N, C-alpha and C. Protein backbone atom coordinates (compact mmCIF):
# COMPACT_ATOMS: atom_id res chain seq x y z
N MET A 1 -120.41 5.10 -10.20
CA MET A 1 -119.38 4.62 -9.29
C MET A 1 -119.84 3.35 -8.58
N LYS A 2 -121.10 3.29 -8.22
CA LYS A 2 -121.63 2.11 -7.54
C LYS A 2 -121.52 0.87 -8.41
N ASN A 3 -121.78 1.04 -9.71
CA ASN A 3 -121.68 -0.10 -10.63
C ASN A 3 -120.25 -0.60 -10.75
N VAL A 4 -119.29 0.29 -10.70
CA VAL A 4 -117.88 -0.11 -10.80
C VAL A 4 -117.50 -0.96 -9.59
N VAL A 5 -117.93 -0.55 -8.40
CA VAL A 5 -117.63 -1.30 -7.18
C VAL A 5 -118.31 -2.66 -7.21
N LEU A 6 -119.58 -2.70 -7.64
CA LEU A 6 -120.29 -3.98 -7.71
C LEU A 6 -119.66 -4.91 -8.73
N ASP A 7 -119.25 -4.36 -9.87
CA ASP A 7 -118.58 -5.19 -10.87
C ASP A 7 -117.26 -5.75 -10.33
N PHE A 8 -116.53 -4.94 -9.57
CA PHE A 8 -115.28 -5.39 -8.98
C PHE A 8 -115.52 -6.53 -7.98
N LEU A 9 -116.56 -6.40 -7.17
CA LEU A 9 -116.86 -7.43 -6.17
C LEU A 9 -117.36 -8.72 -6.81
N LYS A 10 -118.03 -8.62 -7.94
CA LYS A 10 -118.56 -9.80 -8.62
C LYS A 10 -117.50 -10.52 -9.46
N ASP A 11 -116.41 -9.83 -9.77
CA ASP A 11 -115.35 -10.40 -10.59
C ASP A 11 -114.68 -11.53 -9.83
N GLU A 12 -114.68 -12.74 -10.41
CA GLU A 12 -114.11 -13.91 -9.74
C GLU A 12 -112.73 -14.27 -10.29
N GLU A 13 -112.21 -13.53 -11.20
CA GLU A 13 -110.92 -13.83 -11.78
C GLU A 13 -109.82 -13.61 -10.75
N GLY A 14 -108.93 -14.56 -10.63
CA GLY A 14 -107.83 -14.44 -9.69
C GLY A 14 -108.10 -15.06 -8.34
N GLN A 15 -109.33 -15.38 -8.07
CA GLN A 15 -109.64 -15.96 -6.77
C GLN A 15 -109.20 -17.41 -6.67
N THR A 16 -109.10 -18.08 -7.77
CA THR A 16 -108.75 -19.50 -7.72
C THR A 16 -107.35 -19.71 -7.14
N SER A 17 -106.40 -18.87 -7.51
CA SER A 17 -105.05 -19.04 -6.97
C SER A 17 -105.05 -18.78 -5.46
N THR A 18 -105.80 -17.80 -5.02
CA THR A 18 -105.89 -17.53 -3.59
C THR A 18 -106.52 -18.70 -2.85
N GLU A 19 -107.54 -19.27 -3.44
CA GLU A 19 -108.19 -20.42 -2.81
C GLU A 19 -107.24 -21.61 -2.71
N TYR A 20 -106.45 -21.84 -3.77
CA TYR A 20 -105.49 -22.94 -3.73
C TYR A 20 -104.42 -22.70 -2.67
N ILE A 21 -103.97 -21.48 -2.54
CA ILE A 21 -102.96 -21.16 -1.52
C ILE A 21 -103.52 -21.41 -0.13
N LEU A 22 -104.76 -21.00 0.10
CA LEU A 22 -105.39 -21.25 1.41
C LEU A 22 -105.56 -22.74 1.66
N LEU A 23 -105.93 -23.49 0.63
CA LEU A 23 -106.10 -24.93 0.78
C LEU A 23 -104.77 -25.60 1.13
N VAL A 24 -103.70 -25.21 0.46
CA VAL A 24 -102.38 -25.77 0.74
C VAL A 24 -101.95 -25.41 2.16
N ALA A 25 -102.25 -24.19 2.59
CA ALA A 25 -101.89 -23.78 3.95
C ALA A 25 -102.62 -24.61 4.99
N VAL A 26 -103.90 -24.89 4.77
CA VAL A 26 -104.67 -25.70 5.72
C VAL A 26 -104.14 -27.12 5.75
N VAL A 27 -103.85 -27.69 4.60
CA VAL A 27 -103.31 -29.06 4.56
C VAL A 27 -101.96 -29.12 5.26
N ALA A 28 -101.12 -28.11 5.05
CA ALA A 28 -99.81 -28.08 5.72
C ALA A 28 -99.96 -27.99 7.23
N MET A 29 -100.91 -27.19 7.69
CA MET A 29 -101.15 -27.09 9.14
C MET A 29 -101.60 -28.42 9.72
N ILE A 30 -102.46 -29.13 9.00
CA ILE A 30 -102.92 -30.44 9.47
C ILE A 30 -101.77 -31.43 9.52
N ILE A 31 -100.92 -31.42 8.51
CA ILE A 31 -99.77 -32.34 8.48
C ILE A 31 -98.83 -32.06 9.64
N PHE A 32 -98.51 -30.78 9.88
CA PHE A 32 -97.61 -30.45 10.99
C PHE A 32 -98.24 -30.77 12.33
N LYS A 33 -99.56 -30.67 12.45
CA LYS A 33 -100.25 -30.97 13.71
C LYS A 33 -100.14 -32.45 14.07
N PHE A 34 -100.29 -33.31 13.08
CA PHE A 34 -100.31 -34.75 13.35
C PHE A 34 -99.03 -35.46 12.96
N LYS A 35 -97.97 -34.70 12.70
CA LYS A 35 -96.70 -35.30 12.27
C LYS A 35 -96.12 -36.23 13.32
N SER A 36 -96.12 -35.83 14.58
CA SER A 36 -95.52 -36.65 15.62
C SER A 36 -96.32 -37.92 15.86
N ILE A 37 -97.64 -37.81 15.83
CA ILE A 37 -98.50 -38.99 16.03
C ILE A 37 -98.29 -39.98 14.89
N ALA A 38 -98.30 -39.48 13.66
CA ALA A 38 -98.12 -40.37 12.51
C ALA A 38 -96.73 -40.99 12.52
N GLY A 39 -95.73 -40.23 12.91
CA GLY A 39 -94.36 -40.75 12.95
C GLY A 39 -94.20 -41.87 13.95
N SER A 40 -94.78 -41.71 15.13
CA SER A 40 -94.65 -42.77 16.15
C SER A 40 -95.41 -44.02 15.74
N ARG A 41 -96.58 -43.84 15.14
CA ARG A 41 -97.34 -45.02 14.69
C ARG A 41 -96.65 -45.73 13.54
N LEU A 42 -96.01 -44.97 12.66
CA LEU A 42 -95.28 -45.59 11.56
C LEU A 42 -94.07 -46.36 12.08
N GLU A 43 -93.40 -45.82 13.08
CA GLU A 43 -92.27 -46.54 13.69
C GLU A 43 -92.75 -47.84 14.33
N GLN A 44 -93.87 -47.82 15.04
CA GLN A 44 -94.42 -49.03 15.65
C GLN A 44 -94.77 -50.06 14.59
N LEU A 45 -95.39 -49.60 13.51
CA LEU A 45 -95.80 -50.50 12.44
C LEU A 45 -94.60 -51.17 11.79
N THR A 46 -93.58 -50.39 11.44
CA THR A 46 -92.40 -50.99 10.82
C THR A 46 -91.65 -51.88 11.79
N GLY A 47 -91.62 -51.50 13.06
CA GLY A 47 -91.00 -52.36 14.06
C GLY A 47 -91.70 -53.71 14.18
N ASN A 48 -93.03 -53.68 14.18
CA ASN A 48 -93.79 -54.93 14.25
C ASN A 48 -93.57 -55.80 13.02
N VAL A 49 -93.50 -55.18 11.86
CA VAL A 49 -93.27 -55.94 10.62
C VAL A 49 -91.90 -56.60 10.64
N PHE A 50 -90.86 -55.85 11.03
CA PHE A 50 -89.52 -56.44 11.05
C PHE A 50 -89.37 -57.48 12.14
N ASN A 51 -90.02 -57.31 13.28
CA ASN A 51 -89.98 -58.33 14.33
C ASN A 51 -90.64 -59.62 13.86
N LYS A 52 -91.79 -59.48 13.19
CA LYS A 52 -92.48 -60.67 12.68
C LYS A 52 -91.64 -61.37 11.62
N ALA A 53 -90.97 -60.58 10.75
CA ALA A 53 -90.10 -61.18 9.73
C ALA A 53 -88.93 -61.90 10.38
N ASP A 54 -88.35 -61.32 11.44
CA ASP A 54 -87.25 -61.99 12.14
C ASP A 54 -87.72 -63.30 12.77
N GLN A 55 -88.93 -63.31 13.31
CA GLN A 55 -89.47 -64.54 13.92
C GLN A 55 -89.68 -65.62 12.85
N LEU A 56 -90.18 -65.21 11.67
CA LEU A 56 -90.40 -66.19 10.61
C LEU A 56 -89.09 -66.76 10.08
N VAL A 57 -88.07 -65.93 10.02
CA VAL A 57 -86.77 -66.41 9.53
C VAL A 57 -86.13 -67.32 10.57
N ALA A 58 -86.32 -67.04 11.85
CA ALA A 58 -85.70 -67.85 12.90
C ALA A 58 -86.33 -69.23 13.01
N GLU A 59 -87.55 -69.38 12.54
CA GLU A 59 -88.23 -70.70 12.66
C GLU A 59 -87.73 -71.70 11.70
C-alpha cells in the first residue's frame, strides 16, 4: 500500500495543465491590479501624441 501512495505522489502526469491554470490566474490578477494605472498612463501618452501632432500641423 505504501508503494501505491508513493507512486501516486511521484506521478507528474496532469500537473502541467494545473500549473498553466495557476499561471494564467496570476497573470490575470496582475493585469486587473494595474489596469487603472496602465489605462491612465496610456490616455496621457495618446493625449500628448495628438497634442504634439496638432501643434506640428498648426505650424
